[in-house]
N, C-alpha and C. Protein backbone atom coordinates (compact mmCIF):
# COMPACT_ATOMS: atom_id res chain seq x y z
N MET A 1 -14.55 -17.22 -37.76
CA MET A 1 -15.49 -16.43 -37.24
C MET A 1 -15.28 -14.80 -37.42
N SER A 2 -16.29 -14.27 -38.01
CA SER A 2 -15.82 -12.92 -38.16
C SER A 2 -16.26 -11.88 -36.78
N ALA A 3 -15.90 -10.79 -36.70
CA ALA A 3 -15.76 -9.93 -35.33
C ALA A 3 -17.55 -9.52 -35.25
N ALA A 4 -18.26 -9.22 -36.18
CA ALA A 4 -19.54 -9.23 -36.10
C ALA A 4 -20.55 -10.17 -35.66
N ILE A 5 -19.85 -11.51 -36.14
CA ILE A 5 -20.74 -12.67 -35.47
C ILE A 5 -20.29 -12.99 -34.08
N ALA A 6 -19.13 -12.75 -33.82
CA ALA A 6 -18.47 -13.00 -32.33
C ALA A 6 -19.41 -12.21 -31.48
N THR A 7 -19.61 -10.67 -31.76
CA THR A 7 -19.99 -9.80 -31.04
C THR A 7 -21.56 -10.32 -30.64
N ARG A 8 -22.32 -10.51 -31.93
CA ARG A 8 -23.65 -11.35 -31.79
C ARG A 8 -23.73 -12.41 -31.04
N ALA A 9 -22.86 -13.07 -30.80
CA ALA A 9 -22.92 -14.43 -30.04
C ALA A 9 -22.64 -14.22 -28.70
N GLN A 10 -22.17 -13.01 -28.39
CA GLN A 10 -21.78 -12.59 -26.81
C GLN A 10 -22.65 -11.68 -26.58
N ALA A 11 -23.54 -11.31 -27.17
CA ALA A 11 -24.59 -10.13 -27.18
C ALA A 11 -25.70 -10.71 -25.52
N PRO A 12 -26.00 -11.79 -25.88
CA PRO A 12 -26.98 -12.17 -25.06
C PRO A 12 -26.22 -12.60 -23.52
N LEU A 13 -24.97 -13.16 -23.82
CA LEU A 13 -24.42 -13.43 -22.34
C LEU A 13 -23.85 -12.09 -21.66
N SER A 14 -23.39 -11.13 -22.46
CA SER A 14 -23.11 -9.87 -21.63
C SER A 14 -24.38 -9.33 -20.96
N ALA A 15 -25.55 -9.29 -21.71
CA ALA A 15 -26.89 -8.60 -21.30
C ALA A 15 -26.96 -9.32 -19.99
N ILE A 16 -26.91 -10.61 -19.86
CA ILE A 16 -27.03 -11.32 -18.61
C ILE A 16 -26.00 -11.22 -17.78
N MET A 17 -24.88 -10.91 -17.89
CA MET A 17 -23.67 -10.61 -17.10
C MET A 17 -23.84 -8.93 -16.60
N ARG A 18 -24.48 -8.04 -17.50
CA ARG A 18 -24.89 -6.72 -16.87
C ARG A 18 -25.88 -6.67 -15.70
N GLN A 19 -26.94 -7.57 -15.88
CA GLN A 19 -28.22 -7.74 -14.92
C GLN A 19 -27.72 -8.23 -13.65
N ALA A 20 -26.61 -9.25 -13.87
CA ALA A 20 -26.21 -9.85 -12.74
C ALA A 20 -25.50 -9.00 -11.79
N PHE A 21 -24.50 -8.10 -12.76
CA PHE A 21 -23.59 -6.88 -11.74
C PHE A 21 -24.62 -5.90 -11.27
N LYS A 22 -25.60 -5.55 -12.27
CA LYS A 22 -26.56 -4.47 -11.54
C LYS A 22 -26.98 -5.01 -10.21
N GLY A 23 -27.61 -6.77 -10.48
CA GLY A 23 -28.21 -6.72 -8.91
C GLY A 23 -27.31 -6.91 -7.66
N LEU A 24 -25.75 -7.24 -8.30
CA LEU A 24 -24.93 -7.39 -7.15
C LEU A 24 -24.59 -5.91 -6.53
N ARG A 25 -24.36 -4.70 -7.58
CA ARG A 25 -24.29 -3.46 -6.83
C ARG A 25 -25.67 -3.23 -6.03
N ARG A 26 -26.75 -3.36 -6.62
CA ARG A 26 -28.13 -2.97 -5.51
C ARG A 26 -28.13 -3.72 -4.23
N SER A 27 -27.61 -4.73 -4.27
CA SER A 27 -27.72 -5.47 -3.02
C SER A 27 -26.33 -4.91 -2.11
N ALA A 28 -25.31 -4.69 -2.64
CA ALA A 28 -24.17 -3.95 -1.97
C ALA A 28 -24.72 -2.43 -1.35
N MET A 29 -25.50 -1.86 -2.25
CA MET A 29 -26.07 -0.67 -1.86
C MET A 29 -26.65 -0.79 -0.65
N ILE A 30 -27.69 -1.58 -0.56
CA ILE A 30 -28.34 -2.00 0.38
C ILE A 30 -27.74 -2.34 1.59
N VAL A 31 -26.87 -3.01 1.48
CA VAL A 31 -26.03 -3.37 2.81
C VAL A 31 -25.01 -2.15 3.43
N GLU A 32 -24.63 -1.39 2.32
CA GLU A 32 -23.72 -0.60 2.86
C GLU A 32 -24.65 0.84 3.20
N GLY A 33 -25.89 0.77 3.11
CA GLY A 33 -26.50 2.14 3.65
C GLY A 33 -26.57 3.41 2.96
N PRO A 34 -27.25 4.59 3.28
CA PRO A 34 -27.20 5.62 2.69
C PRO A 34 -25.72 6.58 2.66
N THR A 35 -25.52 6.82 1.58
CA THR A 35 -24.03 7.67 1.43
C THR A 35 -24.17 9.06 1.05
N GLU A 36 -25.59 9.29 0.97
CA GLU A 36 -25.76 10.81 1.01
C GLU A 36 -25.32 11.71 2.08
N ALA A 37 -24.77 12.94 1.76
CA ALA A 37 -24.27 13.65 3.21
C ALA A 37 -25.66 14.29 3.86
N LEU A 38 -25.45 14.43 5.00
CA LEU A 38 -26.39 15.32 5.88
C LEU A 38 -26.73 16.52 5.37
N PRO A 39 -27.48 17.47 5.06
CA PRO A 39 -27.76 18.82 4.99
C PRO A 39 -26.97 19.72 5.95
N ALA A 40 -26.57 20.66 5.32
CA ALA A 40 -25.48 21.65 6.41
C ALA A 40 -26.54 22.40 7.28
N THR A 41 -27.82 22.61 6.84
CA THR A 41 -28.79 23.37 7.68
C THR A 41 -29.27 22.58 8.91
N VAL A 42 -29.03 21.25 8.99
CA VAL A 42 -29.57 20.66 10.29
C VAL A 42 -28.34 20.77 11.31
N ARG A 43 -28.91 21.46 12.62
CA ARG A 43 -27.51 21.29 13.60
C ARG A 43 -27.44 19.94 14.34
N SER A 44 -26.17 20.02 14.51
CA SER A 44 -25.82 18.62 15.13
C SER A 44 -26.26 18.38 16.93
N GLN A 45 -26.62 17.37 17.25
CA GLN A 45 -27.15 17.30 18.59
C GLN A 45 -26.18 17.39 19.39
N LYS A 46 -26.37 17.89 20.57
CA LYS A 46 -25.57 17.87 21.95
C LYS A 46 -25.53 16.49 22.49
N ALA A 47 -24.37 16.19 22.66
CA ALA A 47 -24.04 15.05 23.65
C ALA A 47 -24.77 14.94 25.10
N ASP A 48 -25.51 13.70 25.44
CA ASP A 48 -26.09 13.79 26.64
C ASP A 48 -25.02 12.87 27.51
N TRP A 49 -24.16 13.56 27.96
CA TRP A 49 -22.98 13.23 28.90
C TRP A 49 -23.51 11.98 29.89
N GLY A 50 -24.45 12.81 30.55
CA GLY A 50 -25.15 11.84 31.55
C GLY A 50 -25.41 10.35 31.40
N ARG A 51 -26.15 10.19 30.34
CA ARG A 51 -26.70 8.92 29.89
C ARG A 51 -25.57 8.29 29.51
N ILE A 52 -24.37 8.89 28.82
CA ILE A 52 -23.16 8.13 28.54
C ILE A 52 -22.62 7.72 29.60
N PHE A 53 -22.40 8.45 30.62
CA PHE A 53 -21.58 8.48 31.82
C PHE A 53 -22.18 6.95 32.64
N ARG A 54 -23.61 7.17 32.53
CA ARG A 54 -24.40 6.01 33.17
C ARG A 54 -24.37 4.67 32.56
N ALA A 55 -24.20 4.79 31.34
CA ALA A 55 -24.26 3.30 30.89
C ALA A 55 -22.65 2.95 30.69
N ARG A 56 -21.71 3.81 30.61
CA ARG A 56 -20.26 3.50 31.00
C ARG A 56 -20.08 2.77 32.32
N ALA A 57 -20.53 3.44 33.31
CA ALA A 57 -20.56 3.18 34.75
C ALA A 57 -21.14 2.04 35.09
N GLY A 58 -22.37 1.73 34.42
CA GLY A 58 -23.09 0.09 34.56
C GLY A 58 -22.23 -0.80 33.90
N VAL A 59 -21.77 -0.73 32.68
CA VAL A 59 -20.76 -1.63 32.40
C VAL A 59 -19.55 -1.81 33.19
N ALA A 60 -18.86 -0.90 33.61
CA ALA A 60 -17.97 -1.32 34.55
C ALA A 60 -18.27 -1.90 35.87
N ALA A 61 -19.26 -1.52 36.19
CA ALA A 61 -19.87 -2.22 37.50
C ALA A 61 -19.69 -3.50 37.38
N VAL A 62 -20.13 -3.98 36.18
CA VAL A 62 -20.25 -5.25 36.03
C VAL A 62 -18.88 -6.05 35.61
N TYR A 63 -18.16 -5.33 34.93
CA TYR A 63 -17.09 -5.87 34.23
C TYR A 63 -15.88 -6.07 34.73
N PHE A 64 -15.44 -4.93 35.72
CA PHE A 64 -14.30 -5.10 36.37
C PHE A 64 -14.43 -6.11 37.43
N PRO A 65 -15.42 -6.18 38.20
CA PRO A 65 -15.56 -7.17 39.30
C PRO A 65 -15.23 -8.76 38.65
N PHE A 66 -16.16 -8.72 37.51
CA PHE A 66 -16.14 -10.01 37.09
C PHE A 66 -14.67 -10.64 36.43
N MET A 67 -13.94 -9.71 35.73
CA MET A 67 -12.82 -9.74 35.26
C MET A 67 -11.69 -9.85 36.52
N GLY A 68 -11.86 -9.54 37.25
CA GLY A 68 -11.03 -9.43 38.50
C GLY A 68 -11.23 -10.94 39.27
N THR A 69 -12.27 -11.06 39.38
CA THR A 69 -12.61 -12.68 39.68
C THR A 69 -12.03 -13.57 38.82
N PHE A 70 -12.52 -13.66 37.54
CA PHE A 70 -12.03 -14.51 36.44
C PHE A 70 -10.35 -14.58 36.32
N LEU A 71 -9.67 -13.48 36.45
CA LEU A 71 -8.27 -13.30 36.14
C LEU A 71 -7.58 -13.79 37.30
N SER A 72 -8.23 -13.86 38.46
CA SER A 72 -7.50 -14.11 39.77
C SER A 72 -7.52 -15.60 40.02
N TRP A 73 -7.98 -16.48 39.26
CA TRP A 73 -8.21 -17.86 39.53
C TRP A 73 -6.68 -18.47 39.75
N PRO A 74 -5.61 -18.07 39.25
CA PRO A 74 -4.47 -18.85 39.40
C PRO A 74 -4.24 -18.77 40.68
N PHE A 75 -4.43 -17.29 41.49
CA PHE A 75 -3.89 -17.19 42.84
C PHE A 75 -4.79 -18.01 43.80
N VAL A 76 -6.01 -18.28 43.25
CA VAL A 76 -6.83 -18.89 44.35
C VAL A 76 -6.59 -20.37 43.99
N ALA A 77 -6.29 -20.78 42.97
CA ALA A 77 -5.91 -22.42 42.58
C ALA A 77 -4.65 -22.37 43.49
N GLN A 78 -3.66 -21.37 43.50
CA GLN A 78 -2.43 -21.67 44.09
C GLN A 78 -2.56 -21.81 45.62
N TYR A 79 -3.47 -20.97 46.23
CA TYR A 79 -3.74 -21.27 47.87
C TYR A 79 -4.25 -22.53 48.12
N LEU A 80 -5.19 -22.86 47.27
CA LEU A 80 -6.14 -24.34 47.67
C LEU A 80 -5.09 -25.20 47.38
N VAL A 81 -4.23 -25.37 46.43
CA VAL A 81 -3.46 -26.67 46.41
C VAL A 81 -2.04 -26.63 46.90
N ASP A 82 -1.89 -25.42 47.34
CA ASP A 82 -0.15 -25.24 47.34
C ASP A 82 0.10 -26.18 48.86
N GLY A 83 0.93 -27.27 48.46
CA GLY A 83 1.64 -28.26 49.60
C GLY A 83 0.82 -29.19 49.58
N ARG A 84 -0.45 -29.33 49.00
CA ARG A 84 -1.30 -30.26 49.21
C ARG A 84 -1.92 -31.14 47.95
N MET A 85 -0.87 -31.33 47.11
CA MET A 85 -1.44 -31.84 45.86
C MET A 85 -1.03 -33.37 45.97
N GLY A 86 -1.99 -34.23 45.74
CA GLY A 86 -2.01 -35.31 45.85
C GLY A 86 -2.49 -36.07 47.32
N ARG A 87 -2.66 -35.33 48.28
CA ARG A 87 -2.92 -35.34 49.53
C ARG A 87 -4.65 -35.88 50.14
N TRP A 88 -5.24 -35.60 49.28
CA TRP A 88 -6.79 -35.58 49.49
C TRP A 88 -6.91 -36.75 49.74
């Protein structure tokens, strides 16, 4: 088979593959999001430290007591069953 015939035989397949790769690239761009840089004329916003602190304090108020209770179960279990295993 000559090179010209081989090229013509592959042309429809390569067009289909190009379309498939274009679709994959488009879907990857949608997932990735915008990649263009922000304009330099826009000033950056100041941080709202009060809101950030309140949010973190609210999470800490729930997280640390819960984790303290959860992680102290071996000590509670030792106190409850110490010397009384099998005597119930």
